[in-house]
Amino acid sequence: MAVPPGMAQSSPGQYPSALWGSGMIRSELVQMLSTDNPELSAREIEQIVDTFFEQITFRLVANGRVELRGFGAFSTREREARVGRNPRTGETVDVQAKRVPYFKPGKEMRVRLNMS
């Protein structure tokens, strides 16, 4: 298995198996960062993670873009208004135009994902 970004020195045995090959939740990310950075408290790491995600969100709300070299770029895309269908009833519904978040992986991430 390829090593996830930022974990080149780490091994799967260093972290709970749930973190390798499955989804990850915020508390698991904080736990992993705490393991890699014992000099920081869990509270400090939580603040860093919160700030990181808040800043990405603020930039996207301002119609900006966030590029993290080697990882990827976050931006938004416009979705036009359309007529949708309620899956329960089959009834047609109007779906308003909206902006949605979009992530484009960087070259290094694409290469790592396709290593076999």
C-alpha atoms as a PDB file:
ATOM      1  CA  MET A   1       0.000   0.000   0.000  1.00  0.00           C
ATOM      2  CA  ALA A   2       1.284   3.468  -0.845  1.00  0.00           C
ATOM      3  CA  VAL A   3       1.981   5.776   2.088  1.00  0.00           C
ATOM      4  CA  PRO A   4      -0.519   8.661   2.414  1.00  0.00           C
ATOM      5  CA  PRO A   5       0.827  12.206   1.932  1.00  0.00           C
ATOM      6  CA  GLY A   6       2.648  13.516   4.974  1.00  0.00           C
ATOM      7  CA  MET A   7       3.244  10.063   6.378  1.00  0.00           C
ATOM      8  CA  ALA A   8       6.447   9.051   4.573  1.00  0.00           C
ATOM      9  CA  GLN A   9       8.240   8.286   7.854  1.00  0.00           C
ATOM     10  CA  SER A  10       5.238   6.536   9.396  1.00  0.00           C
ATOM     11  CA  SER A  11       4.071   2.993   9.049  1.00  0.00           C
ATOM     12  CA  PRO A  12       0.546   1.553   9.168  1.00  0.00           C
ATOM     13  CA  GLY A  13       1.398  -0.191  12.459  1.00  0.00           C
ATOM     14  CA  GLN A  14       2.002   3.183  14.109  1.00  0.00           C
ATOM     15  CA  TYR A  15      -1.674   4.157  13.789  1.00  0.00           C
ATOM     16  CA  PRO A  16      -4.987   2.346  14.337  1.00  0.00           C
ATOM     17  CA  SER A  17      -5.869   0.168  11.346  1.00  0.00           C
ATOM     18  CA  ALA A  18      -9.095   2.145  10.880  1.00  0.00           C
ATOM     19  CA  LEU A  19      -6.957   5.031   9.611  1.00  0.00           C
ATOM     20  CA  TRP A  20      -5.479   3.040   6.742  1.00  0.00           C
ATOM     21  CA  GLY A  21      -7.722   2.153   3.800  1.00  0.00           C
ATOM     22  CA  SER A  22     -10.943   3.637   5.163  1.00  0.00           C
ATOM     23  CA  GLY A  23     -12.508   7.007   5.903  1.00  0.00           C
ATOM     24  CA  MET A  24     -11.031   9.401   8.421  1.00  0.00           C
ATOM     25  CA  ILE A  25     -12.818  11.754  10.778  1.00  0.00           C
ATOM     26  CA  ARG A  26     -11.454  14.966  12.267  1.00  0.00           C
ATOM     27  CA  SER A  27     -10.680  13.404  15.691  1.00  0.00           C
ATOM     28  CA  GLU A  28      -8.604  10.678  13.995  1.00  0.00           C
ATOM     29  CA  LEU A  29      -6.633  13.356  12.132  1.00  0.00           C
ATOM     30  CA  VAL A  30      -5.989  15.174  15.416  1.00  0.00           C
ATOM     31  CA  GLN A  31      -4.905  11.876  17.016  1.00  0.00           C
ATOM     32  CA  MET A  32      -2.447  11.170  14.183  1.00  0.00           C
ATOM     33  CA  LEU A  33      -1.010  14.683  14.346  1.00  0.00           C
ATOM     34  CA  SER A  34      -0.654  14.329  18.139  1.00  0.00           C
ATOM     35  CA  THR A  35       1.304  11.105  17.668  1.00  0.00           C
ATOM     36  CA  ASP A  36       3.620  12.763  15.142  1.00  0.00           C
ATOM     37  CA  ASN A  37       4.008  15.953  17.240  1.00  0.00           C
ATOM     38  CA  PRO A  38       4.190  14.981  20.940  1.00  0.00           C
ATOM     39  CA  GLU A  39       5.499  18.466  21.837  1.00  0.00           C
ATOM     40  CA  LEU A  40       2.058  19.932  20.978  1.00  0.00           C
ATOM     41  CA  SER A  41      -1.041  19.420  23.119  1.00  0.00           C
ATOM     42  CA  ALA A  42      -4.199  17.924  21.622  1.00  0.00           C
ATOM     43  CA  ARG A  43      -5.872  21.312  22.169  1.00  0.00           C
ATOM     44  CA  GLU A  44      -3.157  23.107  20.164  1.00  0.00           C
ATOM     45  CA  ILE A  45      -3.461  20.585  17.343  1.00  0.00           C
ATOM     46  CA  GLU A  46      -7.255  20.960  17.307  1.00  0.00           C
ATOM     47  CA  GLN A  47      -6.823  24.743  17.000  1.00  0.00           C
ATOM     48  CA  ILE A  48      -4.404  24.284  14.086  1.00  0.00           C
ATOM     49  CA  VAL A  49      -6.773  21.899  12.289  1.00  0.00           C
ATOM     50  CA  ASP A  50      -9.745  24.230  12.908  1.00  0.00           C
ATOM     51  CA  THR A  51      -7.796  27.243  11.614  1.00  0.00           C
ATOM     52  CA  PHE A  52      -6.659  25.317   8.545  1.00  0.00           C
ATOM     53  CA  PHE A  53     -10.202  24.337   7.537  1.00  0.00           C
ATOM     54  CA  GLU A  54     -11.670  27.751   8.461  1.00  0.00           C
ATOM     55  CA  GLN A  55      -9.165  29.547   6.247  1.00  0.00           C
ATOM     56  CA  ILE A  56      -9.942  27.286   3.278  1.00  0.00           C
ATOM     57  CA  THR A  57     -13.664  27.895   3.827  1.00  0.00           C
ATOM     58  CA  PHE A  58     -13.230  31.693   4.165  1.00  0.00           C
ATOM     59  CA  ARG A  59     -11.265  31.836   0.911  1.00  0.00           C
ATOM     60  CA  LEU A  60     -13.889  29.755  -0.937  1.00  0.00           C
ATOM     61  CA  VAL A  61     -16.741  31.894   0.425  1.00  0.00           C
ATOM     62  CA  ALA A  62     -14.890  34.940  -0.961  1.00  0.00           C
ATOM     63  CA  ASN A  63     -14.916  33.175  -4.350  1.00  0.00           C
ATOM     64  CA  GLY A  64     -11.188  32.491  -4.055  1.00  0.00           C
ATOM     65  CA  ARG A  65      -9.030  29.448  -4.573  1.00  0.00           C
ATOM     66  CA  VAL A  66      -6.679  27.572  -2.226  1.00  0.00           C
ATOM     67  CA  GLU A  67      -3.735  25.771  -3.804  1.00  0.00           C
ATOM     68  CA  LEU A  68      -1.621  23.381  -1.742  1.00  0.00           C
ATOM     69  CA  ARG A  69       1.307  22.346  -3.952  1.00  0.00           C
ATOM     70  CA  GLY A  70       1.691  18.598  -4.218  1.00  0.00           C
ATOM     71  CA  PHE A  71      -1.746  18.049  -2.668  1.00  0.00           C
ATOM     72  CA  GLY A  72      -4.324  19.871  -4.785  1.00  0.00           C
ATOM     73  CA  ALA A  73      -6.488  22.945  -5.207  1.00  0.00           C
ATOM     74  CA  PHE A  74      -9.837  23.873  -3.662  1.00  0.00           C
ATOM     75  CA  SER A  75     -12.195  26.135  -5.585  1.00  0.00           C
ATOM     76  CA  THR A  76     -15.910  26.523  -6.256  1.00  0.00           C
ATOM     77  CA  ARG A  77     -18.013  25.809  -9.300  1.00  0.00           C
ATOM     78  CA  GLU A  78     -21.342  27.242 -10.332  1.00  0.00           C
ATOM     79  CA  ARG A  79     -24.275  24.887 -10.772  1.00  0.00           C
ATOM     80  CA  GLU A  80     -27.133  26.158 -12.888  1.00  0.00           C
ATOM     81  CA  ALA A  81     -30.753  25.954 -11.800  1.00  0.00           C
ATOM     82  CA  ARG A  82     -32.470  22.789 -12.965  1.00  0.00           C
ATOM     83  CA  VAL A  83     -35.546  20.670 -12.539  1.00  0.00           C
ATOM     84  CA  GLY A  84     -34.886  17.703 -10.270  1.00  0.00           C
ATOM     85  CA  ARG A  85     -36.949  14.819  -9.019  1.00  0.00           C
ATOM     86  CA  ASN A  86     -37.814  13.851  -5.445  1.00  0.00           C
ATOM     87  CA  PRO A  87     -36.530  10.257  -5.177  1.00  0.00           C
ATOM     88  CA  ARG A  88     -39.260   9.284  -2.698  1.00  0.00           C
ATOM     89  CA  THR A  89     -42.284  10.591  -4.537  1.00  0.00           C
ATOM     90  CA  GLY A  90     -41.034  11.019  -8.081  1.00  0.00           C
ATOM     91  CA  GLU A  91     -42.427  14.555  -7.985  1.00  0.00           C
ATOM     92  CA  THR A  92     -40.504  17.228  -9.926  1.00  0.00           C
ATOM     93  CA  VAL A  93     -38.868  19.997  -7.914  1.00  0.00           C
ATOM     94  CA  ASP A  94     -37.038  23.177  -8.887  1.00  0.00           C
ATOM     95  CA  VAL A  95     -33.398  23.143  -7.768  1.00  0.00           C
ATOM     96  CA  GLN A  96     -31.920  26.636  -7.441  1.00  0.00           C
ATOM     97  CA  ALA A  97     -28.566  27.662  -8.892  1.00  0.00           C
ATOM     98  CA  LYS A  98     -25.747  27.341  -6.373  1.00  0.00           C
ATOM     99  CA  ARG A  99     -22.001  27.303  -5.824  1.00  0.00           C
ATOM    100  CA  VAL A 100     -20.449  24.017  -4.777  1.00  0.00           C
ATOM    101  CA  PRO A 101     -16.945  23.226  -3.510  1.00  0.00           C
ATOM    102  CA  TYR A 102     -14.581  21.523  -5.941  1.00  0.00           C
ATOM    103  CA  PHE A 103     -11.238  19.803  -5.321  1.00  0.00           C
ATOM    104  CA  LYS A 104      -8.672  19.082  -8.023  1.00  0.00           C
ATOM    105  CA  PRO A 105      -5.892  16.758  -6.852  1.00  0.00           C
ATOM    106  CA  GLY A 106      -2.296  17.780  -7.534  1.00  0.00           C
ATOM    107  CA  LYS A 107       0.106  15.786  -9.673  1.00  0.00           C
ATOM    108  CA  GLU A 108       1.921  14.239  -6.682  1.00  0.00           C
ATOM    109  CA  MET A 109      -1.379  13.011  -5.204  1.00  0.00           C
ATOM    110  CA  ARG A 110      -2.518  11.549  -8.531  1.00  0.00           C
ATOM    111  CA  VAL A 111       0.821   9.717  -8.872  1.00  0.00           C
ATOM    112  CA  ARG A 112       0.565   8.310  -5.324  1.00  0.00           C
ATOM    113  CA  LEU A 113      -3.036   7.219  -5.845  1.00  0.00           C
ATOM    114  CA  ASN A 114      -2.088   5.316  -8.975  1.00  0.00           C
ATOM    115  CA  MET A 115       0.979   3.541  -7.565  1.00  0.00           C
ATOM    116  CA  SER A 116       0.461  -0.209  -7.585  1.00  0.00           C
END
